[in-house]
Amino acid sequence: RYTTSRAIADWAWNEGVLTGDGLGLATGRSFPDALAAGVHLSVSRSPVILMDEVTGDAKAWLDSSHGRFGRIIVLGGVVAVSHETEFDAKAALRTP
């Protein structure tokens, strides 16, 4: 589910479906936050990515997305996505 969320975001970005500068981060352990926010983020044409921590493939994806997303929206609060994960994601997006 984690890899799939990134693959769908990449496909939608490459096809011009996603054009927004926001990136939603939701936990992959529970679906309600991502499901509810998906509608909101679709209005701004931004993806929701499932991410519980920034390691390995997730970091590589964020690194490769440098310049694509200007803001991160954490879905479900700190209970769902930790401050550390949010910080690491923002740092990876800022690093060229």
Protein backbone atom coordinates (compact mmCIF):
# COMPACT_ATOMS: atom_id res chain seq x y z
CA ARG A 1 0.00 0.00 0.00
CA TYR A 2 2.88 2.40 0.69
CA THR A 3 4.61 1.76 -2.62
CA THR A 4 1.27 1.79 -4.43
CA SER A 5 0.34 5.22 -3.06
CA ARG A 6 3.63 6.62 -4.37
CA ALA A 7 3.27 4.86 -7.74
CA ILE A 8 -0.23 6.27 -8.20
CA ALA A 9 0.98 9.76 -7.29
CA ASP A 10 3.83 9.45 -9.82
CA TRP A 11 1.48 8.23 -12.54
CA ALA A 12 -1.04 11.00 -11.86
CA TRP A 13 1.71 13.63 -11.79
CA ASN A 14 3.18 12.43 -15.09
CA GLU A 15 -0.28 12.33 -16.71
CA GLY A 16 -1.08 15.88 -15.57
CA VAL A 17 -3.86 14.77 -13.22
CA LEU A 18 -2.01 16.17 -10.20
CA THR A 19 -0.79 19.73 -10.50
CA GLY A 20 -1.09 21.04 -6.94
CA ASP A 21 1.83 21.84 -4.69
CA GLY A 22 0.42 20.07 -1.61
CA LEU A 23 1.26 16.60 -0.39
CA GLY A 24 -0.95 14.81 2.11
CA LEU A 25 0.72 12.39 4.51
CA ALA A 26 -1.47 9.75 6.09
CA THR A 27 -0.78 6.62 8.06
CA GLY A 28 -0.93 3.34 6.20
CA ARG A 29 -2.15 1.53 9.31
CA SER A 30 -5.70 2.87 9.17
CA PHE A 31 -7.74 4.12 6.22
CA PRO A 32 -10.18 6.81 7.50
CA ASP A 33 -7.77 9.77 7.48
CA ALA A 34 -6.55 9.14 3.94
CA LEU A 35 -10.05 8.38 2.68
CA ALA A 36 -11.58 11.54 4.15
CA ALA A 37 -8.73 13.82 3.09
CA GLY A 38 -8.50 12.37 -0.40
CA VAL A 39 -11.58 14.31 -1.47
CA HIS A 40 -10.23 17.56 -0.01
CA LEU A 41 -6.82 17.14 -1.61
CA SER A 42 -8.32 16.18 -4.96
CA VAL A 43 -9.84 19.67 -5.17
CA SER A 44 -6.33 21.15 -5.04
CA ARG A 45 -5.09 18.32 -7.31
CA SER A 46 -2.65 17.06 -4.69
CA PRO A 47 -1.88 13.44 -3.71
CA VAL A 48 -2.21 11.56 -0.45
CA ILE A 49 0.80 9.40 0.35
CA LEU A 50 0.78 6.64 2.95
CA MET A 51 3.80 6.98 5.19
CA ASP A 52 4.40 5.89 8.77
CA GLU A 53 8.09 6.76 8.79
CA VAL A 54 10.63 8.16 6.35
CA THR A 55 13.06 5.38 5.54
CA GLY A 56 14.39 3.65 2.45
CA ASP A 57 12.01 3.83 -0.49
CA ALA A 58 9.92 6.61 1.06
CA LYS A 59 12.98 8.83 1.49
CA ALA A 60 14.14 8.11 -2.05
CA TRP A 61 10.69 9.03 -3.38
CA LEU A 62 10.61 12.27 -1.38
CA ASP A 63 14.14 13.12 -2.52
CA SER A 64 13.12 12.59 -6.15
CA SER A 65 10.06 14.79 -5.61
CA HIS A 66 12.15 17.83 -4.67
CA GLY A 67 10.50 20.97 -6.06
CA ARG A 68 7.23 19.21 -6.85
CA PHE A 69 5.52 19.86 -3.52
CA GLY A 70 5.69 23.12 -1.59
CA ARG A 71 3.67 22.11 1.44
CA ILE A 72 2.85 19.03 3.45
CA ILE A 73 -0.53 18.42 5.03
CA VAL A 74 -0.43 15.91 7.88
CA LEU A 75 -3.65 13.91 8.05
CA GLY A 76 -4.88 12.56 11.35
CA GLY A 77 -2.56 14.61 13.52
CA VAL A 78 0.41 13.44 15.54
CA VAL A 79 -1.41 10.30 16.64
CA ALA A 80 -1.43 9.08 13.02
CA VAL A 81 1.75 10.68 11.62
CA SER A 82 4.47 11.55 14.13
CA HIS A 83 6.23 14.89 14.31
CA GLU A 84 9.44 13.04 13.43
CA THR A 85 7.92 11.65 10.23
CA GLU A 86 6.58 15.08 9.29
CA PHE A 87 9.98 16.69 9.98
CA ASP A 88 11.86 14.03 8.01
CA ALA A 89 9.46 14.33 5.05
CA LYS A 90 9.80 18.11 4.96
CA ALA A 91 13.58 17.85 5.19
CA ALA A 92 13.69 15.31 2.32
CA LEU A 93 11.56 17.56 0.11
CA ARG A 94 13.82 20.56 0.77
CA THR A 95 17.04 18.72 0.00
CA PRO A 96 17.96 19.00 -3.69
